Amino acid sequence: MRALKVIYTNISKYKKMKGWGKLLLEYLKIKYIYKMKVVSHVNSTNDYSIFDAIEGNRVVNQLHVERLKTSFAKSYLMSPILVNDKYQIIDGQHRFNAAKALNLPIHFIVANGYGLREVQTLNTNMKNWKKEDYLHAYCDLGYEEYLKMKQFMQDFPDFGIAVAEQLLTNTVNGTNNRGTIKIQGKTRGVLRHFQEGELRIPDLLLAYDNAEKIMMFKPYYDGFNRNVFVASMIGMFKHQNYNHSQMIQKVKNNPTALTHCSNVTQYKILIEEIYNFRSREKVSLRF
């Protein structure tokens, strides 16, 4: 068997053989292929109704589906999805949705006994997209809000994507809030709004103004672009008692006053202390 494999895998070296030698080669090829074990068969159907999602799987990313549709429209290559004996999709739900949208046949392999554990294993082994990947992808598709965000990050290269999202949405957590998705009463997964193309920028001019204000801390505090610090400052900008010019002056007078904090609450306490330092009238900035 090993000799057959050596000949078969190095077949290009034997192509010039003629006569009985060529016949022998063809015989060995057929014998080697015959001894291969067939593990499963690829099936094909246009009946999309027989398939179902499996409860607990990740939410379908419509961006990924659209990209697959574009690819499939050009060339629909053989790439079977994996289903269990109940025809629940174990791997390939994006390929399934893209093919279905284009009325293309579904190529599939049945793996008996597979379930959510196997889904999780396959998902874990796949490379997850980062936020930067989603940003570039939506920009390629011409999504206006994401194009604004790309330009914003070019204008403020000191800010990472998470901070840029906070500033553009004027929120502490950006749009990456999560919500459980239920379809027909069944939990299908988790929705991540930024990744789903739902970025919304309520006031672009305000975002630029707040970004400029935070940049004013750069000469005095090396943590000016930390997520938790920016989140704290977004809260301060909304506070009626906060005066940014006064805060910057206090930091100038004591450039070592700002230090790293682990959460927003600690930053608010520190900022309030700096803001009220040697002031006759103390103001509350934490509430």
Protein backbone atom coordinates (compact mmCIF):
# COMPACT_ATOMS: atom_id res chain seq x y z
CA MET A 1 0.00 0.00 0.00
CA ARG A 2 2.87 2.35 0.81
CA ALA A 3 4.44 1.70 -2.61
CA LEU A 4 1.13 2.53 -4.29
CA LYS A 5 0.93 5.79 -2.35
CA VAL A 6 4.48 6.79 -3.33
CA ILE A 7 3.70 6.20 -7.01
CA TYR A 8 0.34 7.97 -6.83
CA THR A 9 1.61 11.04 -5.00
CA ASN A 10 4.54 11.38 -7.40
CA ILE A 11 2.51 10.68 -10.51
CA SER A 12 4.05 13.57 -12.49
CA LYS A 13 7.35 11.68 -12.54
CA TYR A 14 5.76 8.68 -14.24
CA LYS A 15 3.68 10.42 -16.92
CA LYS A 16 6.31 9.74 -19.61
CA MET A 17 5.98 5.96 -19.21
CA LYS A 18 4.73 4.12 -22.30
CA GLY A 19 3.37 0.69 -23.22
CA TRP A 20 3.08 -1.85 -20.41
CA GLY A 21 4.58 0.62 -17.98
CA LYS A 22 1.76 3.08 -18.63
CA LEU A 23 -0.85 0.36 -18.25
CA LEU A 24 0.74 -0.69 -14.96
CA LEU A 25 0.59 2.89 -13.75
CA GLU A 26 -3.12 3.19 -14.56
CA TYR A 27 -3.78 -0.09 -12.76
CA LEU A 28 -1.94 1.07 -9.65
CA LYS A 29 -3.85 4.37 -9.68
CA ILE A 30 -7.21 2.61 -9.83
CA LYS A 31 -6.21 0.15 -7.12
CA TYR A 32 -5.02 2.95 -4.81
CA ILE A 33 -8.18 5.00 -5.30
CA TYR A 34 -10.33 1.91 -4.79
CA LYS A 35 -8.76 1.34 -1.37
CA MET A 36 -9.60 4.86 -0.21
CA LYS A 37 -12.31 4.96 2.45
CA VAL A 38 -15.50 6.93 1.77
CA VAL A 39 -16.48 8.66 5.02
CA SER A 40 -19.52 10.60 3.86
CA HIS A 41 -21.39 11.74 0.77
CA VAL A 42 -22.17 15.27 -0.38
CA ASN A 43 -25.89 15.76 -0.92
CA SER A 44 -27.59 18.58 -2.81
CA THR A 45 -31.08 20.07 -2.69
CA ASN A 46 -33.07 23.19 -3.44
CA ASP A 47 -35.57 22.45 -0.69
CA TYR A 48 -34.48 24.99 1.91
CA SER A 49 -37.38 24.11 4.23
CA ILE A 50 -35.75 20.89 5.44
CA PHE A 51 -32.96 22.82 7.20
CA ASP A 52 -33.16 24.55 10.55
CA ALA A 53 -30.88 26.64 12.77
CA ILE A 54 -29.64 25.09 15.99
CA GLU A 55 -30.57 26.81 19.23
CA GLY A 56 -27.61 28.58 20.84
CA ASN A 57 -25.62 29.15 17.66
CA ARG A 58 -24.20 32.58 16.86
CA VAL A 59 -26.42 35.18 15.22
CA VAL A 60 -26.13 35.30 11.45
CA ASN A 61 -23.94 38.24 10.42
CA GLN A 62 -25.75 39.87 7.51
CA LEU A 63 -22.55 41.56 6.36
CA HIS A 64 -20.89 38.18 5.93
CA VAL A 65 -23.96 36.89 4.07
CA GLU A 66 -23.85 39.84 1.65
CA ARG A 67 -20.17 39.28 0.97
CA LEU A 68 -20.81 35.59 0.31
CA LYS A 69 -23.68 36.46 -2.04
CA THR A 70 -21.35 38.62 -4.08
CA SER A 71 -18.83 35.79 -4.26
CA PHE A 72 -21.41 33.10 -5.05
CA ALA A 73 -22.93 35.22 -7.83
CA LYS A 74 -19.55 35.20 -9.56
CA SER A 75 -18.64 31.58 -8.90
CA TYR A 76 -20.56 29.10 -6.77
CA LEU A 77 -17.86 26.67 -5.70
CA MET A 78 -18.45 23.36 -3.96
CA SER A 79 -18.38 24.15 -0.23
CA PRO A 80 -20.85 21.89 1.59
CA ILE A 81 -22.49 22.91 4.84
CA LEU A 82 -22.54 20.46 7.74
CA VAL A 83 -25.85 19.33 9.26
CA ASN A 84 -26.87 16.72 11.81
CA ASP A 85 -29.44 13.95 11.40
CA LYS A 86 -32.18 16.48 12.25
CA TYR A 87 -30.95 18.73 9.43
CA GLN A 88 -29.96 21.43 11.92
CA ILE A 89 -27.05 23.46 10.56
CA ILE A 90 -23.85 22.71 12.47
CA ASP A 91 -21.46 24.65 10.24
CA GLY A 92 -22.19 26.94 7.30
CA GLN A 93 -25.25 28.99 8.29
CA HIS A 94 -23.87 32.01 6.41
CA ARG A 95 -23.24 29.94 3.27
CA PHE A 96 -26.75 28.52 3.59
CA ASN A 97 -28.39 31.96 3.81
CA ALA A 98 -26.34 33.33 0.93
CA ALA A 99 -27.12 30.36 -1.33
CA LYS A 100 -30.80 30.48 -0.38
CA ALA A 101 -31.02 34.19 -1.21
CA LEU A 102 -29.66 33.45 -4.68
CA ASN A 103 -31.83 30.34 -5.20
CA LEU A 104 -28.73 28.19 -5.45
CA PRO A 105 -28.69 24.51 -4.45
CA ILE A 106 -27.52 23.66 -0.96
CA HIS A 107 -24.64 21.18 -0.87
CA PHE A 108 -24.53 19.45 2.50
CA ILE A 109 -22.99 16.61 4.49
CA VAL A 110 -24.87 14.82 7.26
CA ALA A 111 -22.98 14.17 10.50
CA ASN A 112 -25.12 11.99 12.73
CA GLY A 113 -25.19 12.89 16.41
CA TYR A 114 -23.68 16.35 16.07
CA GLY A 115 -25.12 19.13 18.23
CA LEU A 116 -24.38 22.42 19.97
CA ARG A 117 -21.09 21.16 21.43
CA GLU A 118 -19.74 20.55 17.93
CA VAL A 119 -21.05 23.96 16.81
CA GLN A 120 -19.14 25.62 19.64
CA THR A 121 -15.98 23.67 18.85
CA LEU A 122 -16.10 24.71 15.18
CA ASN A 123 -16.80 28.34 16.09
CA THR A 124 -13.91 28.37 18.59
CA ASN A 125 -11.50 27.09 15.96
CA MET A 126 -12.47 29.84 13.52
CA LYS A 127 -10.73 33.23 13.52
CA ASN A 128 -13.10 35.85 14.87
CA TRP A 129 -13.36 39.23 13.19
CA LYS A 130 -12.11 42.24 15.11
CA LYS A 131 -13.96 45.55 15.14
CA GLU A 132 -11.40 46.93 12.71
CA ASP A 133 -12.35 44.18 10.25
CA TYR A 134 -16.03 45.17 10.46
CA LEU A 135 -15.17 48.84 10.07
CA HIS A 136 -13.17 48.24 6.89
CA ALA A 137 -15.80 45.88 5.50
CA TYR A 138 -18.70 48.30 6.02
CA CYS A 139 -16.61 51.12 4.56
CA ASP A 140 -16.03 48.97 1.47
CA LEU A 141 -19.80 48.58 1.23
CA GLY A 142 -20.29 52.34 1.47
CA TYR A 143 -21.98 52.54 4.88
CA GLU A 144 -22.02 56.30 5.60
CA GLU A 145 -21.67 56.15 9.40
CA TYR A 146 -18.69 53.81 9.16
CA LEU A 147 -17.04 56.07 6.58
CA LYS A 148 -17.45 58.95 9.04
CA MET A 149 -15.86 56.84 11.74
CA LYS A 150 -12.92 55.94 9.48
CA GLN A 151 -12.30 59.62 8.78
CA PHE A 152 -12.65 60.46 12.49
CA MET A 153 -9.97 57.90 13.36
CA GLN A 154 -7.69 59.34 10.70
CA ASP A 155 -8.20 62.81 12.18
CA PHE A 156 -7.50 61.50 15.71
CA PRO A 157 -4.92 58.71 15.34
CA ASP A 158 -4.28 58.69 19.11
CA PHE A 159 -7.69 57.09 19.69
CA GLY A 160 -8.31 53.40 19.23
CA ILE A 161 -11.51 52.08 17.69
CA ALA A 162 -13.27 51.60 21.04
CA VAL A 163 -12.59 55.19 22.13
CA ALA A 164 -13.59 56.52 18.72
CA GLU A 165 -16.88 54.65 19.02
CA GLN A 166 -17.49 56.10 22.47
CA LEU A 167 -16.91 59.63 21.26
CA LEU A 168 -18.93 59.28 18.08
CA THR A 169 -21.93 57.78 19.85
CA ASN A 170 -21.48 60.04 22.91
CA THR A 171 -21.95 57.05 25.19
CA VAL A 172 -19.84 55.20 27.72
CA ASN A 173 -20.02 51.83 25.96
CA GLY A 174 -20.46 52.81 22.31
CA THR A 175 -22.87 50.74 20.24
CA ASN A 176 -21.40 47.42 21.30
CA ASN A 177 -24.24 46.76 23.71
CA ARG A 178 -25.49 43.23 23.47
CA GLY A 179 -29.00 41.85 23.38
CA THR A 180 -30.30 38.34 23.24
CA ILE A 181 -31.96 37.45 19.94
CA LYS A 182 -35.04 35.24 20.02
CA ILE A 183 -36.74 33.79 16.97
CA GLN A 184 -40.09 32.07 17.49
CA GLY A 185 -39.42 31.98 21.22
CA LYS A 186 -36.01 30.33 20.86
CA THR A 187 -32.71 31.95 21.73
CA ARG A 188 -30.64 32.18 18.57
CA GLY A 189 -27.63 34.08 19.90
CA VAL A 190 -26.40 37.56 20.68
CA LEU A 191 -26.65 40.77 18.66
CA ARG A 192 -23.69 43.13 18.57
CA HIS A 193 -24.90 46.36 17.02
CA PHE A 194 -21.58 47.68 15.71
CA GLN A 195 -20.85 44.36 14.03
CA GLU A 196 -24.34 44.26 12.56
CA GLY A 197 -23.87 47.55 10.73
CA GLU A 198 -26.03 49.57 13.12
CA LEU A 199 -23.54 52.28 14.11
CA ARG A 200 -25.35 55.59 14.60
CA ILE A 201 -23.58 58.94 15.09
CA PRO A 202 -26.09 61.39 16.63
CA ASP A 203 -23.87 64.50 16.51
CA LEU A 204 -20.61 64.41 14.54
CA LEU A 205 -19.65 68.00 15.43
CA LEU A 206 -20.06 67.24 19.15
CA ALA A 207 -17.84 64.17 18.75
CA TYR A 208 -15.10 66.29 17.20
CA ASP A 209 -15.48 68.94 19.89
CA ASN A 210 -15.23 66.36 22.70
CA ALA A 211 -12.25 64.70 21.02
CA GLU A 212 -10.44 68.04 20.88
CA LYS A 213 -11.17 68.60 24.58
CA ILE A 214 -9.75 65.20 25.52
CA MET A 215 -6.65 65.84 23.40
CA MET A 216 -5.97 68.84 25.66
CA PHE A 217 -5.06 66.37 28.43
CA LYS A 218 -2.29 64.76 26.34
CA PRO A 219 0.59 66.99 27.55
CA TYR A 220 -0.26 66.27 31.18
CA TYR A 221 -1.60 62.71 31.29
CA ASP A 222 -0.36 59.70 29.32
CA GLY A 223 -3.65 57.90 29.90
CA PHE A 224 -5.71 60.53 28.10
CA ASN A 225 -6.82 57.98 25.47
CA ARG A 226 -7.70 55.13 27.82
CA ASN A 227 -11.22 53.78 27.33
CA VAL A 228 -12.21 54.22 30.96
CA PHE A 229 -10.83 57.79 31.14
CA VAL A 230 -12.65 58.82 27.97
CA ALA A 231 -15.84 57.26 29.31
CA SER A 232 -15.44 59.33 32.48
CA MET A 233 -14.88 62.52 30.51
CA ILE A 234 -17.94 61.91 28.33
CA GLY A 235 -19.94 61.91 31.54
CA MET A 236 -18.22 65.09 32.69
CA PHE A 237 -19.00 66.91 29.45
CA LYS A 238 -22.69 66.24 30.08
CA HIS A 239 -22.55 67.55 33.67
CA GLN A 240 -23.99 71.04 34.12
CA ASN A 241 -21.40 71.97 36.78
CA TYR A 242 -18.36 71.01 34.71
CA ASN A 243 -16.21 73.68 33.06
CA HIS A 244 -13.52 72.24 30.83
CA SER A 245 -11.28 75.33 30.77
CA GLN A 246 -11.19 75.29 34.57
CA MET A 247 -10.32 71.59 34.59
CA ILE A 248 -7.44 72.02 32.13
CA GLN A 249 -6.07 74.93 34.17
CA LYS A 250 -6.12 72.80 37.33
CA VAL A 251 -4.26 70.00 35.52
CA LYS A 252 -1.70 72.50 34.18
CA ASN A 253 -1.07 73.71 37.74
CA ASN A 254 -0.61 70.14 38.95
CA PRO A 255 0.46 67.98 35.94
CA THR A 256 0.99 64.84 38.04
CA ALA A 257 -2.48 64.91 39.58
CA LEU A 258 -4.12 62.66 37.01
CA THR A 259 -3.28 58.99 37.54
CA HIS A 260 -4.64 55.74 36.18
CA CYS A 261 -7.89 54.46 37.67
CA SER A 262 -9.49 51.08 37.15
CA ASN A 263 -13.06 52.26 36.61
CA VAL A 264 -15.24 55.27 35.85
CA THR A 265 -16.29 55.81 39.46
CA GLN A 266 -12.69 56.15 40.63
CA TYR A 267 -11.91 58.56 37.80
CA LYS A 268 -14.91 60.72 38.70
CA ILE A 269 -13.75 60.96 42.31
CA LEU A 270 -10.23 61.90 41.19
CA ILE A 271 -11.45 64.44 38.64
CA GLU A 272 -13.72 66.05 41.22
CA GLU A 273 -10.82 66.34 43.68
CA ILE A 274 -8.58 67.97 41.06
CA TYR A 275 -11.38 70.24 39.88
CA ASN A 276 -12.13 71.49 43.42
CA PHE A 277 -8.52 71.77 44.58
CA ARG A 278 -8.00 75.13 46.32
CA SER A 279 -11.41 76.34 45.14
CA ARG A 280 -13.62 78.25 47.54
CA GLU A 281 -16.80 76.87 46.05
CA LYS A 282 -16.78 73.11 45.82
CA VAL A 283 -18.95 71.48 43.16
CA SER A 284 -20.14 67.93 42.85
CA LEU A 285 -19.28 66.21 39.56
CA ARG A 286 -20.04 62.64 40.51
CA PHE A 287 -23.83 62.84 40.49
